[in-house]
Amino acid sequence: DVAVGNLPEVKGADLRVKGAALGVQVAKGALYPVLTLNGNLSSLYSS
């Protein structure tokens, strides 16, 4: 009981599980639309 709550091996494995769950959410984000705001400033010169 003490080791499960304190050993870094267990903590690291649990954090990897949470990270993998967020990886699923990141992959699902590709199904949604993407909205982007673009701005442009330009000028030119000719001899």
All heavy atoms as atom14 arrays in JSON, in Angstrom:
{
  "sequence": "DVAVGNLPEVKGADLRVKGAALGVQVAKGALYPVLTLNGNLSSLYSS",
  "atom14_mask": [
    [1, 1, 1, 1, 1, 1, 1, 1, 0, 0, 0, 0, 0, 0],
    [1, 1, 1, 1, 1, 1, 1, 0, 0, 0, 0, 0, 0, 0],
    [1, 1, 1, 1, 1, 0, 0, 0, 0, 0, 0, 0, 0, 0],
    [1, 1, 1, 1, 1, 1, 1, 0, 0, 0, 0, 0, 0, 0],
    [1, 1, 1, 1, 0, 0, 0, 0, 0, 0, 0, 0, 0, 0],
    [1, 1, 1, 1, 1, 1, 1, 1, 0, 0, 0, 0, 0, 0],
    [1, 1, 1, 1, 1, 1, 1, 1, 0, 0, 0, 0, 0, 0],
    [1, 1, 1, 1, 1, 1, 1, 0, 0, 0, 0, 0, 0, 0],
    [1, 1, 1, 1, 1, 1, 1, 1, 1, 0, 0, 0, 0, 0],
    [1, 1, 1, 1, 1, 1, 1, 0, 0, 0, 0, 0, 0, 0],
    [1, 1, 1, 1, 1, 1, 1, 1, 1, 0, 0, 0, 0, 0],
    [1, 1, 1, 1, 0, 0, 0, 0, 0, 0, 0, 0, 0, 0],
    [1, 1, 1, 1, 1, 0, 0, 0, 0, 0, 0, 0, 0, 0],
    [1, 1, 1, 1, 1, 1, 1, 1, 0, 0, 0, 0, 0, 0],
    [1, 1, 1, 1, 1, 1, 1, 1, 0, 0, 0, 0, 0, 0],
    [1, 1, 1, 1, 1, 1, 1, 1, 1, 1, 1, 0, 0, 0],
    [1, 1, 1, 1, 1, 1, 1, 0, 0, 0, 0, 0, 0, 0],
    [1, 1, 1, 1, 1, 1, 1, 1, 1, 0, 0, 0, 0, 0],
    [1, 1, 1, 1, 0, 0, 0, 0, 0, 0, 0, 0, 0, 0],
    [1, 1, 1, 1, 1, 0, 0, 0, 0, 0, 0, 0, 0, 0],
    [1, 1, 1, 1, 1, 0, 0, 0, 0, 0, 0, 0, 0, 0],
    [1, 1, 1, 1, 1, 1, 1, 1, 0, 0, 0, 0, 0, 0],
    [1, 1, 1, 1, 0, 0, 0, 0, 0, 0, 0, 0, 0, 0],
    [1, 1, 1, 1, 1, 1, 1, 0, 0, 0, 0, 0, 0, 0],
    [1, 1, 1, 1, 1, 1, 1, 1, 1, 0, 0, 0, 0, 0],
    [1, 1, 1, 1, 1, 1, 1, 0, 0, 0, 0, 0, 0, 0],
    [1, 1, 1, 1, 1, 0, 0, 0, 0, 0, 0, 0, 0, 0],
    [1, 1, 1, 1, 1, 1, 1, 1, 1, 0, 0, 0, 0, 0],
    [1, 1, 1, 1, 0, 0, 0, 0, 0, 0, 0, 0, 0, 0],
    [1, 1, 1, 1, 1, 0, 0, 0, 0, 0, 0, 0, 0, 0],
    [1, 1, 1, 1, 1, 1, 1, 1, 0, 0, 0, 0, 0, 0],
    [1, 1, 1, 1, 1, 1, 1, 1, 1, 1, 1, 1, 0, 0],
    [1, 1, 1, 1, 1, 1, 1, 0, 0, 0, 0, 0, 0, 0],
    [1, 1, 1, 1, 1, 1, 1, 0, 0, 0, 0, 0, 0, 0],
    [1, 1, 1, 1, 1, 1, 1, 1, 0, 0, 0, 0, 0, 0],
    [1, 1, 1, 1, 1, 1, 1, 0, 0, 0, 0, 0, 0, 0],
    [1, 1, 1, 1, 1, 1, 1, 1, 0, 0, 0, 0, 0, 0],
    [1, 1, 1, 1, 1, 1, 1, 1, 0, 0, 0, 0, 0, 0],
    [1, 1, 1, 1, 0, 0, 0, 0, 0, 0, 0, 0, 0, 0],
    [1, 1, 1, 1, 1, 1, 1, 1, 0, 0, 0, 0, 0, 0],
    [1, 1, 1, 1, 1, 1, 1, 1, 0, 0, 0, 0, 0, 0],
    [1, 1, 1, 1, 1, 1, 0, 0, 0, 0, 0, 0, 0, 0],
    [1, 1, 1, 1, 1, 1, 0, 0, 0, 0, 0, 0, 0, 0],
    [1, 1, 1, 1, 1, 1, 1, 1, 0, 0, 0, 0, 0, 0],
    [1, 1, 1, 1, 1, 1, 1, 1, 1, 1, 1, 1, 0, 0],
    [1, 1, 1, 1, 1, 1, 0, 0, 0, 0, 0, 0, 0, 0],
    [1, 1, 1, 1, 1, 1, 0, 0, 0, 0, 0, 0, 0, 0]
  ],
  "atom14_positions": [
    [[0.83, -1.22, 0.0], [0.0, 0.0, 0.0], [0.86, 1.26, 0.0], [0.56, 2.23, -0.71], [-0.92, -0.01, 1.21], [-1.97, -1.11, 1.13], [-2.23, -1.6, 0.02], [-2.51, -1.5, 2.2], [0.0, 0.0, 0.0], [0.0, 0.0, 0.0], [0.0, 0.0, 0.0], [0.0, 0.0, 0.0], [0.0, 0.0, 0.0], [0.0, 0.0, 0.0]],
    [[1.93, 1.26, 0.79], [2.81, 2.42, 0.83], [3.59, 2.56, -0.48], [3.74, 3.66, -1.03], [3.78, 2.32, 2.02], [4.79, 3.47, 1.99], [3.01, 2.34, 3.33], [0.0, 0.0, 0.0], [0.0, 0.0, 0.0], [0.0, 0.0, 0.0], [0.0, 0.0, 0.0], [0.0, 0.0, 0.0], [0.0, 0.0, 0.0], [0.0, 0.0, 0.0]],
    [[4.07, 1.43, -1.01], [4.88, 1.47, -2.23], [4.07, 1.96, -3.41], [4.57, 2.73, -4.24], [5.47, 0.09, -2.51], [0.0, 0.0, 0.0], [0.0, 0.0, 0.0], [0.0, 0.0, 0.0], [0.0, 0.0, 0.0], [0.0, 0.0, 0.0], [0.0, 0.0, 0.0], [0.0, 0.0, 0.0], [0.0, 0.0, 0.0], [0.0, 0.0, 0.0]],
    [[2.82, 1.53, -3.53], [1.99, 1.95, -4.67], [1.8, 3.46, -4.69], [1.76, 4.09, -5.75], [0.62, 1.23, -4.62], [-0.38, 1.88, -5.56], [0.79, -0.23, -4.99], [0.0, 0.0, 0.0], [0.0, 0.0, 0.0], [0.0, 0.0, 0.0], [0.0, 0.0, 0.0], [0.0, 0.0, 0.0], [0.0, 0.0, 0.0], [0.0, 0.0, 0.0]],
    [[1.7, 4.05, -3.52], [1.48, 5.5, -3.47], [2.73, 6.35, -3.53], [2.61, 7.56, -3.7], [0.0, 0.0, 0.0], [0.0, 0.0, 0.0], [0.0, 0.0, 0.0], [0.0, 0.0, 0.0], [0.0, 0.0, 0.0], [0.0, 0.0, 0.0], [0.0, 0.0, 0.0], [0.0, 0.0, 0.0], [0.0, 0.0, 0.0], [0.0, 0.0, 0.0]],
    [[3.91, 5.72, -3.43], [5.13, 6.52, -3.34], [6.22, 6.17, -4.35], [7.0, 7.05, -4.7], [5.73, 6.39, -1.93], [4.87, 7.02, -0.85], [4.84, 8.22, -0.65], [4.14, 6.17, -0.14], [0.0, 0.0, 0.0], [0.0, 0.0, 0.0], [0.0, 0.0, 0.0], [0.0, 0.0, 0.0], [0.0, 0.0, 0.0], [0.0, 0.0, 0.0]],
    [[6.27, 4.95, -4.81], [7.37, 4.58, -5.69], [7.28, 5.29, -7.04], [6.19, 5.35, -7.64], [7.39, 3.07, -5.92], [7.98, 2.21, -4.8], [8.14, 0.79, -5.25], [9.33, 2.76, -4.34], [0.0, 0.0, 0.0], [0.0, 0.0, 0.0], [0.0, 0.0, 0.0], [0.0, 0.0, 0.0], [0.0, 0.0, 0.0], [0.0, 0.0, 0.0]],
    [[8.37, 5.83, -7.55], [8.33, 6.55, -8.82], [7.98, 5.66, -10.01], [7.44, 6.15, -11.0], [9.75, 7.12, -8.95], [10.59, 6.28, -8.06], [9.72, 5.86, -6.93], [0.0, 0.0, 0.0], [0.0, 0.0, 0.0], [0.0, 0.0, 0.0], [0.0, 0.0, 0.0], [0.0, 0.0, 0.0], [0.0, 0.0, 0.0], [0.0, 0.0, 0.0]],
    [[8.26, 4.34, -9.91], [7.9, 3.46, -11.01], [6.39, 3.45, -11.23], [5.91, 3.52, -12.37], [8.39, 2.03, -10.74], [9.88, 1.88, -10.68], [10.42, 1.99, -9.26], [9.81, 2.76, -8.49], [11.43, 1.34, -8.96], [0.0, 0.0, 0.0], [0.0, 0.0, 0.0], [0.0, 0.0, 0.0], [0.0, 0.0, 0.0], [0.0, 0.0, 0.0]],
    [[5.64, 3.37, -10.13], [4.18, 3.34, -10.23], [3.65, 4.71, -10.66], [2.75, 4.8, -11.52], [3.57, 2.92, -8.89], [2.05, 2.89, -8.96], [4.1, 1.55, -8.47], [0.0, 0.0, 0.0], [0.0, 0.0, 0.0], [0.0, 0.0, 0.0], [0.0, 0.0, 0.0], [0.0, 0.0, 0.0], [0.0, 0.0, 0.0], [0.0, 0.0, 0.0]],
    [[4.19, 5.77, -10.08], [3.74, 7.1, -10.46], [3.99, 7.36, -11.94], [3.14, 7.91, -12.65], [4.48, 8.16, -9.62], [4.07, 8.18, -8.15], [4.82, 9.28, -7.41], [4.41, 9.36, -5.96], [5.14, 10.43, -5.23], [0.0, 0.0, 0.0], [0.0, 0.0, 0.0], [0.0, 0.0, 0.0], [0.0, 0.0, 0.0], [0.0, 0.0, 0.0]],
    [[5.17, 6.98, -12.41], [5.48, 7.18, -13.82], [4.55, 6.4, -14.73], [4.09, 6.92, -15.76], [0.0, 0.0, 0.0], [0.0, 0.0, 0.0], [0.0, 0.0, 0.0], [0.0, 0.0, 0.0], [0.0, 0.0, 0.0], [0.0, 0.0, 0.0], [0.0, 0.0, 0.0], [0.0, 0.0, 0.0], [0.0, 0.0, 0.0], [0.0, 0.0, 0.0]],
    [[4.22, 5.16, -14.36], [3.31, 4.36, -15.18], [1.91, 4.97, -15.21], [1.25, 5.0, -16.26], [3.26, 2.92, -14.65], [0.0, 0.0, 0.0], [0.0, 0.0, 0.0], [0.0, 0.0, 0.0], [0.0, 0.0, 0.0], [0.0, 0.0, 0.0], [0.0, 0.0, 0.0], [0.0, 0.0, 0.0], [0.0, 0.0, 0.0], [0.0, 0.0, 0.0]],
    [[1.44, 5.46, -14.06], [0.12, 6.1, -14.02], [0.09, 7.38, -14.85], [-0.9, 7.68, -15.53], [-0.26, 6.41, -12.57], [-0.54, 5.15, -11.77], [-0.77, 4.09, -12.39], [-0.51, 5.21, -10.52], [0.0, 0.0, 0.0], [0.0, 0.0, 0.0], [0.0, 0.0, 0.0], [0.0, 0.0, 0.0], [0.0, 0.0, 0.0], [0.0, 0.0, 0.0]],
    [[1.16, 8.14, -14.8], [1.22, 9.37, -15.61], [1.24, 9.04, -17.1], [0.67, 9.78, -17.91], [2.46, 10.18, -15.22], [2.41, 10.84, -13.85], [3.77, 11.4, -13.47], [1.38, 11.97, -13.84], [0.0, 0.0, 0.0], [0.0, 0.0, 0.0], [0.0, 0.0, 0.0], [0.0, 0.0, 0.0], [0.0, 0.0, 0.0], [0.0, 0.0, 0.0]],
    [[1.88, 7.95, -17.47], [1.87, 7.53, -18.87], [0.46, 7.16, -19.32], [0.07, 7.42, -20.47], [2.8, 6.33, -19.06], [4.27, 6.66, -18.88], [4.82, 7.47, -20.03], [6.25, 7.76, -19.84], [6.96, 8.54, -20.64], [6.38, 9.13, -21.69], [8.24, 8.76, -20.42], [0.0, 0.0, 0.0], [0.0, 0.0, 0.0], [0.0, 0.0, 0.0]],
    [[-0.32, 6.56, -18.42], [-1.71, 6.22, -18.75], [-2.52, 7.5, -19.0], [-3.28, 7.6, -19.98], [-2.34, 5.39, -17.62], [-3.84, 5.2, -17.86], [-1.66, 4.04, -17.52], [0.0, 0.0, 0.0], [0.0, 0.0, 0.0], [0.0, 0.0, 0.0], [0.0, 0.0, 0.0], [0.0, 0.0, 0.0], [0.0, 0.0, 0.0], [0.0, 0.0, 0.0]],
    [[-2.37, 8.47, -18.12], [-3.1, 9.74, -18.31], [-2.66, 10.44, -19.59], [-3.48, 11.01, -20.31], [-2.86, 10.64, -17.1], [-3.46, 10.11, -15.8], [-3.17, 11.05, -14.64], [-3.74, 10.51, -13.33], [-3.45, 11.42, -12.19], [0.0, 0.0, 0.0], [0.0, 0.0, 0.0], [0.0, 0.0, 0.0], [0.0, 0.0, 0.0], [0.0, 0.0, 0.0]],
    [[-1.36, 10.4, -19.87], [-0.87, 11.02, -21.1], [-1.42, 10.33, -22.33], [-1.76, 10.98, -23.33], [0.0, 0.0, 0.0], [0.0, 0.0, 0.0], [0.0, 0.0, 0.0], [0.0, 0.0, 0.0], [0.0, 0.0, 0.0], [0.0, 0.0, 0.0], [0.0, 0.0, 0.0], [0.0, 0.0, 0.0], [0.0, 0.0, 0.0], [0.0, 0.0, 0.0]],
    [[-1.52, 8.99, -22.29], [-2.07, 8.26, -23.43], [-3.55, 8.58, -23.62], [-4.05, 8.65, -24.76], [-1.88, 6.76, -23.22], [0.0, 0.0, 0.0], [0.0, 0.0, 0.0], [0.0, 0.0, 0.0], [0.0, 0.0, 0.0], [0.0, 0.0, 0.0], [0.0, 0.0, 0.0], [0.0, 0.0, 0.0], [0.0, 0.0, 0.0], [0.0, 0.0, 0.0]],
    [[-4.3, 8.78, -22.52], [-5.72, 9.16, -22.63], [-5.86, 10.52, -23.31], [-6.75, 10.72, -24.15], [-6.36, 9.18, -21.25], [0.0, 0.0, 0.0], [0.0, 0.0, 0.0], [0.0, 0.0, 0.0], [0.0, 0.0, 0.0], [0.0, 0.0, 0.0], [0.0, 0.0, 0.0], [0.0, 0.0, 0.0], [0.0, 0.0, 0.0], [0.0, 0.0, 0.0]],
    [[-4.98, 11.45, -22.97], [-5.01, 12.75, -23.66], [-4.57, 12.6, -25.11], [-5.0, 13.38, -25.97], [-4.11, 13.74, -22.92], [-4.72, 14.36, -21.66], [-3.68, 15.18, -20.91], [-5.91, 15.24, -22.03], [0.0, 0.0, 0.0], [0.0, 0.0, 0.0], [0.0, 0.0, 0.0], [0.0, 0.0, 0.0], [0.0, 0.0, 0.0], [0.0, 0.0, 0.0]],
    [[-3.71, 11.63, -25.39], [-3.33, 11.38, -26.78], [-4.52, 10.99, -27.64], [-4.59, 11.34, -28.83], [0.0, 0.0, 0.0], [0.0, 0.0, 0.0], [0.0, 0.0, 0.0], [0.0, 0.0, 0.0], [0.0, 0.0, 0.0], [0.0, 0.0, 0.0], [0.0, 0.0, 0.0], [0.0, 0.0, 0.0], [0.0, 0.0, 0.0], [0.0, 0.0, 0.0]],
    [[-5.48, 10.27, -27.04], [-6.71, 9.94, -27.76], [-7.5, 11.21, -28.07], [-8.03, 11.38, -29.19], [-7.55, 8.95, -26.94], [-8.89, 8.68, -27.63], [-6.79, 7.64, -26.75], [0.0, 0.0, 0.0], [0.0, 0.0, 0.0], [0.0, 0.0, 0.0], [0.0, 0.0, 0.0], [0.0, 0.0, 0.0], [0.0, 0.0, 0.0], [0.0, 0.0, 0.0]],
    [[-7.59, 12.11, -27.11], [-8.31, 13.37, -27.33], [-7.61, 14.21, -28.4], [-8.28, 14.87, -29.21], [-8.4, 14.16, -26.02], [-9.16, 13.43, -24.92], [-10.58, 13.08, -25.33], [-11.27, 13.89, -25.96], [-11.02, 11.88, -24.98], [0.0, 0.0, 0.0], [0.0, 0.0, 0.0], [0.0, 0.0, 0.0], [0.0, 0.0, 0.0], [0.0, 0.0, 0.0]],
    [[-6.29, 14.2, -28.42], [-5.56, 14.94, -29.46], [-5.87, 14.36, -30.83], [-6.09, 15.1, -31.81], [-4.04, 14.88, -29.18], [-3.26, 15.46, -30.36], [-3.71, 15.67, -27.91], [0.0, 0.0, 0.0], [0.0, 0.0, 0.0], [0.0, 0.0, 0.0], [0.0, 0.0, 0.0], [0.0, 0.0, 0.0], [0.0, 0.0, 0.0], [0.0, 0.0, 0.0]],
    [[-5.92, 13.02, -30.93], [-6.23, 12.39, -32.21], [-7.66, 12.69, -32.64], [-7.93, 12.91, -33.83], [-5.99, 10.89, -32.11], [0.0, 0.0, 0.0], [0.0, 0.0, 0.0], [0.0, 0.0, 0.0], [0.0, 0.0, 0.0], [0.0, 0.0, 0.0], [0.0, 0.0, 0.0], [0.0, 0.0, 0.0], [0.0, 0.0, 0.0], [0.0, 0.0, 0.0]],
    [[-8.59, 12.74, -31.7], [-9.98, 13.07, -32.05], [-10.13, 14.5, -32.52], [-11.07, 14.83, -33.26], [-10.88, 12.84, -30.83], [-11.1, 11.37, -30.49], [-12.03, 11.23, -29.3], [-12.31, 9.74, -29.0], [-13.21, 9.58, -27.83], [0.0, 0.0, 0.0], [0.0, 0.0, 0.0], [0.0, 0.0, 0.0], [0.0, 0.0, 0.0], [0.0, 0.0, 0.0]],
    [[-9.24, 15.39, -32.11], [-9.32, 16.78, -32.53], [-9.21, 16.95, -34.04], [-9.67, 17.96, -34.6], [0.0, 0.0, 0.0], [0.0, 0.0, 0.0], [0.0, 0.0, 0.0], [0.0, 0.0, 0.0], [0.0, 0.0, 0.0], [0.0, 0.0, 0.0], [0.0, 0.0, 0.0], [0.0, 0.0, 0.0], [0.0, 0.0, 0.0], [0.0, 0.0, 0.0]],
    [[-8.59, 15.96, -34.72], [-8.45, 16.06, -36.18], [-9.78, 15.9, -36.89], [-9.89, 16.2, -38.09], [-7.47, 15.0, -36.67], [0.0, 0.0, 0.0], [0.0, 0.0, 0.0], [0.0, 0.0, 0.0], [0.0, 0.0, 0.0], [0.0, 0.0, 0.0], [0.0, 0.0, 0.0], [0.0, 0.0, 0.0], [0.0, 0.0, 0.0], [0.0, 0.0, 0.0]],
    [[-10.85, 15.44, -36.21], [-12.16, 15.3, -36.83], [-12.93, 16.61, -36.85], [-13.95, 16.72, -37.55], [-12.98, 14.24, -36.08], [-12.41, 12.81, -36.05], [-13.29, 11.92, -35.19], [-12.28, 12.26, -37.46], [0.0, 0.0, 0.0], [0.0, 0.0, 0.0], [0.0, 0.0, 0.0], [0.0, 0.0, 0.0], [0.0, 0.0, 0.0], [0.0, 0.0, 0.0]],
    [[-12.49, 17.6, -36.09], [-13.23, 18.85, -35.96], [-12.72, 19.89, -36.96], [-11.57, 19.82, -37.43], [-13.11, 19.39, -34.54], [-13.8, 18.53, -33.51], [-13.13, 17.48, -32.89], [-15.13, 18.78, -33.17], [-13.77, 16.68, -31.95], [-15.76, 18.0, -32.22], [-15.08, 16.94, -31.62], [-15.72, 16.15, -30.69], [0.0, 0.0, 0.0], [0.0, 0.0, 0.0]],
    [[-13.57, 20.88, -37.29], [-13.12, 21.95, -38.2], [-12.0, 22.78, -37.56], [-11.83, 22.81, -36.34], [-14.38, 22.8, -38.4], [-15.52, 21.92, -38.02], [-15.0, 21.01, -36.95], [0.0, 0.0, 0.0], [0.0, 0.0, 0.0], [0.0, 0.0, 0.0], [0.0, 0.0, 0.0], [0.0, 0.0, 0.0], [0.0, 0.0, 0.0], [0.0, 0.0, 0.0]],
    [[-11.26, 23.45, -38.44], [-10.16, 24.32, -38.01], [-10.49, 25.73, -38.5], [-10.72, 25.94, -39.69], [-8.82, 23.85, -38.58], [-7.71, 24.82, -38.19], [-8.49, 22.45, -38.1], [0.0, 0.0, 0.0], [0.0, 0.0, 0.0], [0.0, 0.0, 0.0], [0.0, 0.0, 0.0], [0.0, 0.0, 0.0], [0.0, 0.0, 0.0], [0.0, 0.0, 0.0]],
    [[-10.52, 26.66, -37.57], [-10.8, 28.06, -37.9], [-9.55, 28.88, -37.62], [-9.04, 28.87, -36.5], [-11.98, 28.58, -37.08], [-12.4, 30.04, -37.34], [-12.86, 30.21, -38.78], [-13.49, 30.47, -36.37], [0.0, 0.0, 0.0], [0.0, 0.0, 0.0], [0.0, 0.0, 0.0], [0.0, 0.0, 0.0], [0.0, 0.0, 0.0], [0.0, 0.0, 0.0]],
    [[-9.11, 29.61, -38.66], [-7.85, 30.36, -38.57], [-8.09, 31.8, -38.99], [-8.8, 32.07, -39.97], [-6.78, 29.73, -39.47], [-6.65, 28.36, -39.15], [-5.43, 30.4, -39.27], [0.0, 0.0, 0.0], [0.0, 0.0, 0.0], [0.0, 0.0, 0.0], [0.0, 0.0, 0.0], [0.0, 0.0, 0.0], [0.0, 0.0, 0.0], [0.0, 0.0, 0.0]],
    [[-7.52, 32.72, -38.25], [-7.53, 34.14, -38.59], [-6.2, 34.51, -39.21], [-5.14, 34.26, -38.63], [-7.78, 34.99, -37.34], [-7.7, 36.51, -37.52], [-8.78, 37.01, -38.49], [-7.82, 37.22, -36.18], [0.0, 0.0, 0.0], [0.0, 0.0, 0.0], [0.0, 0.0, 0.0], [0.0, 0.0, 0.0], [0.0, 0.0, 0.0], [0.0, 0.0, 0.0]],
    [[-6.27, 35.11, -40.44], [-5.06, 35.47, -41.17], [-5.03, 36.98, -41.4], [-6.07, 37.62, -41.66], [-5.01, 34.76, -42.53], [-5.03, 33.25, -42.39], [-4.29, 32.71, -41.59], [-5.9, 32.58, -43.14], [0.0, 0.0, 0.0], [0.0, 0.0, 0.0], [0.0, 0.0, 0.0], [0.0, 0.0, 0.0], [0.0, 0.0, 0.0], [0.0, 0.0, 0.0]],
    [[-3.86, 37.55, -41.33], [-3.65, 38.96, -41.63], [-2.45, 39.13, -42.55], [-1.5, 38.33, -42.5], [0.0, 0.0, 0.0], [0.0, 0.0, 0.0], [0.0, 0.0, 0.0], [0.0, 0.0, 0.0], [0.0, 0.0, 0.0], [0.0, 0.0, 0.0], [0.0, 0.0, 0.0], [0.0, 0.0, 0.0], [0.0, 0.0, 0.0], [0.0, 0.0, 0.0]],
    [[-2.5, 40.18, -43.42], [-1.43, 40.37, -44.39], [-1.16, 41.86, -44.59], [-2.1, 42.67, -44.72], [-1.82, 39.73, -45.73], [-0.74, 39.92, -46.78], [0.32, 39.33, -46.7], [-1.02, 40.77, -47.77], [0.0, 0.0, 0.0], [0.0, 0.0, 0.0], [0.0, 0.0, 0.0], [0.0, 0.0, 0.0], [0.0, 0.0, 0.0], [0.0, 0.0, 0.0]],
    [[0.1, 42.22, -44.59], [0.57, 43.56, -44.94], [1.56, 43.42, -46.08], [2.47, 42.57, -45.99], [1.23, 44.25, -43.74], [0.38, 44.46, -42.49], [1.24, 45.06, -41.39], [-0.81, 45.36, -42.79], [0.0, 0.0, 0.0], [0.0, 0.0, 0.0], [0.0, 0.0, 0.0], [0.0, 0.0, 0.0], [0.0, 0.0, 0.0], [0.0, 0.0, 0.0]],
    [[1.39, 44.25, -47.15], [2.28, 44.1, -48.3], [2.5, 45.44, -48.98], [1.71, 46.39, -48.83], [1.71, 43.09, -49.3], [0.48, 43.56, -49.86], [0.0, 0.0, 0.0], [0.0, 0.0, 0.0], [0.0, 0.0, 0.0], [0.0, 0.0, 0.0], [0.0, 0.0, 0.0], [0.0, 0.0, 0.0], [0.0, 0.0, 0.0], [0.0, 0.0, 0.0]],
    [[3.57, 45.52, -49.75], [3.88, 46.7, -50.57], [4.89, 46.27, -51.62], [5.45, 45.16, -51.55], [4.44, 47.84, -49.72], [4.61, 49.0, -50.51], [0.0, 0.0, 0.0], [0.0, 0.0, 0.0], [0.0, 0.0, 0.0], [0.0, 0.0, 0.0], [0.0, 0.0, 0.0], [0.0, 0.0, 0.0], [0.0, 0.0, 0.0], [0.0, 0.0, 0.0]],
    [[5.09, 47.17, -52.63], [6.04, 46.82, -53.68], [6.73, 48.08, -54.2], [6.29, 49.22, -53.97], [5.34, 46.06, -54.81], [4.11, 46.72, -55.48], [4.5, 47.67, -56.59], [3.17, 45.65, -56.03], [0.0, 0.0, 0.0], [0.0, 0.0, 0.0], [0.0, 0.0, 0.0], [0.0, 0.0, 0.0], [0.0, 0.0, 0.0], [0.0, 0.0, 0.0]],
    [[7.79, 47.83, -54.94], [8.6, 48.92, -55.53], [9.04, 48.48, -56.91], [9.31, 47.29, -57.15], [9.83, 49.2, -54.66], [10.93, 49.95, -55.39], [10.86, 51.33, -55.55], [12.01, 49.26, -55.93], [11.85, 52.0, -56.23], [13.01, 49.92, -56.6], [12.93, 51.29, -56.75], [13.91, 51.95, -57.44], [0.0, 0.0, 0.0], [0.0, 0.0, 0.0]],
    [[9.1, 49.48, -57.86], [9.59, 49.2, -59.21], [10.35, 50.43, -59.72], [9.9, 51.57, -59.53], [8.44, 48.87, -60.15], [8.91, 48.71, -61.48], [0.0, 0.0, 0.0], [0.0, 0.0, 0.0], [0.0, 0.0, 0.0], [0.0, 0.0, 0.0], [0.0, 0.0, 0.0], [0.0, 0.0, 0.0], [0.0, 0.0, 0.0], [0.0, 0.0, 0.0]],
    [[11.49, 50.15, -60.34], [12.26, 51.27, -60.9], [11.56, 51.9, -62.09], [11.87, 53.03, -62.46], [13.65, 50.77, -61.31], [13.54, 49.76, -62.32], [0.0, 0.0, 0.0], [0.0, 0.0, 0.0], [0.0, 0.0, 0.0], [0.0, 0.0, 0.0], [0.0, 0.0, 0.0], [0.0, 0.0, 0.0], [0.0, 0.0, 0.0], [0.0, 0.0, 0.0]]
  ]
}
